[in-house]
Structure formats: structure tokens, C-alpha cells
């Protein structure tokens, strides 16, 4: 059995083989910068996410884990 692809490898696989999907390198860099700037903020915690997204499942629930794997 082959090892699973990393997120980077998965993205590269899709980007190289798809005609309708592409990776916007500038967008990736902007999101990385945004995450880096938020890394110490309350917004970047599970409770902060719940406050900003009241319909999101509780951070310590199975539904939250399932949501992470479907995005």
C-alpha cells in the first residue's frame, strides 16, 4: 500500500492533472501571511472560531472533526 500524499503533494497532483482546477500562488501566499498574522490571536483558537461561527459544531465534538476532514 502506498503512503498517503501530503496536502502539498495532493494539491500538486490535482493542479497538474486538472483542466478546471488551478492553484493561485499569490492567493496561497496571502492566506499564509494572514494565518501567520493571526497565529497568536483569539480568532485562531477553537473557542474563537466558535464565537465567529456560531453555527459551527462544538470544537471538542465528533462533528467538528468530521467538518475538518470535509473542507
Protein backbone atom coordinates (compact mmCIF):
# COMPACT_ATOMS: atom_id res chain seq x y z
CA UNK A 1 0.00 0.00 0.00
CA UNK A 2 1.33 3.43 -0.94
CA UNK A 3 1.65 6.14 1.67
CA UNK A 4 -0.97 8.91 1.55
CA UNK A 5 0.00 12.12 -0.21
CA UNK A 6 0.76 15.16 1.90
CA UNK A 7 -1.54 18.18 1.42
CA UNK A 8 1.13 19.81 -0.75
CA UNK A 9 1.54 16.66 -2.86
CA UNK A 10 -2.24 16.28 -3.16
CA UNK A 11 -2.60 19.86 -4.35
CA UNK A 12 0.20 19.41 -6.86
CA UNK A 13 -1.34 16.16 -8.13
CA UNK A 14 -4.72 17.84 -8.71
CA UNK A 15 -3.23 21.03 -10.19
CA UNK A 16 -1.06 19.12 -12.67
CA UNK A 17 -3.85 16.84 -13.91
CA UNK A 18 -6.93 19.02 -13.87
CA UNK A 19 -8.16 21.29 -16.60
CA UNK A 20 -10.68 23.07 -14.37
CA UNK A 21 -8.69 23.47 -11.14
CA UNK A 22 -5.62 25.56 -10.52
CA UNK A 23 -3.61 26.82 -7.57
CA UNK A 24 -3.30 30.60 -7.36
CA UNK A 25 0.21 31.03 -5.94
CA UNK A 26 -0.42 34.65 -4.90
CA UNK A 27 -3.58 33.57 -3.10
CA UNK A 28 -1.70 30.83 -1.24
CA UNK A 29 0.89 33.38 -0.12
CA UNK A 30 -1.80 35.86 1.03
CA UNK A 31 -3.59 33.17 3.07
CA UNK A 32 -0.29 32.01 4.57
CA UNK A 33 0.51 35.59 5.61
CA UNK A 34 -2.98 36.04 7.08
CA UNK A 35 -2.69 32.82 9.12
CA UNK A 36 0.78 33.81 10.28
CA UNK A 37 -0.51 37.18 11.50
CA UNK A 38 -3.44 35.54 13.32
CA UNK A 39 -1.37 32.78 14.94
CA UNK A 40 -1.38 34.40 18.40
CA UNK A 41 -4.91 35.83 18.26
CA UNK A 42 -8.07 34.61 19.95
CA UNK A 43 -9.61 34.15 16.49
CA UNK A 44 -7.17 31.33 15.82
CA UNK A 45 -8.32 29.20 18.76
CA UNK A 46 -11.16 26.69 18.73
CA UNK A 47 -13.25 28.89 21.02
CA UNK A 48 -12.53 31.93 18.85
CA UNK A 49 -13.67 30.00 15.77
CA UNK A 50 -16.89 29.05 17.55
CA UNK A 51 -17.55 32.68 18.54
CA UNK A 52 -17.06 33.85 14.95
CA UNK A 53 -19.06 30.94 13.51
CA UNK A 54 -21.99 30.26 15.83
CA UNK A 55 -23.38 27.54 13.55
CA UNK A 56 -20.10 25.60 13.66
CA UNK A 57 -20.09 22.46 15.82
CA UNK A 58 -18.52 22.49 19.26
CA UNK A 59 -14.70 22.28 18.89
CA UNK A 60 -14.50 19.14 21.03
CA UNK A 61 -17.17 17.17 19.16
CA UNK A 62 -17.01 14.44 16.52
CA UNK A 63 -18.89 16.79 14.20
CA UNK A 64 -16.01 19.30 14.38
CA UNK A 65 -13.51 16.61 13.41
CA UNK A 66 -15.71 15.49 10.53
CA UNK A 67 -16.08 19.10 9.38
CA UNK A 68 -12.29 19.48 9.25
CA UNK A 69 -11.96 16.43 7.04
CA UNK A 70 -14.65 17.54 4.61
CA UNK A 71 -13.28 21.02 3.91
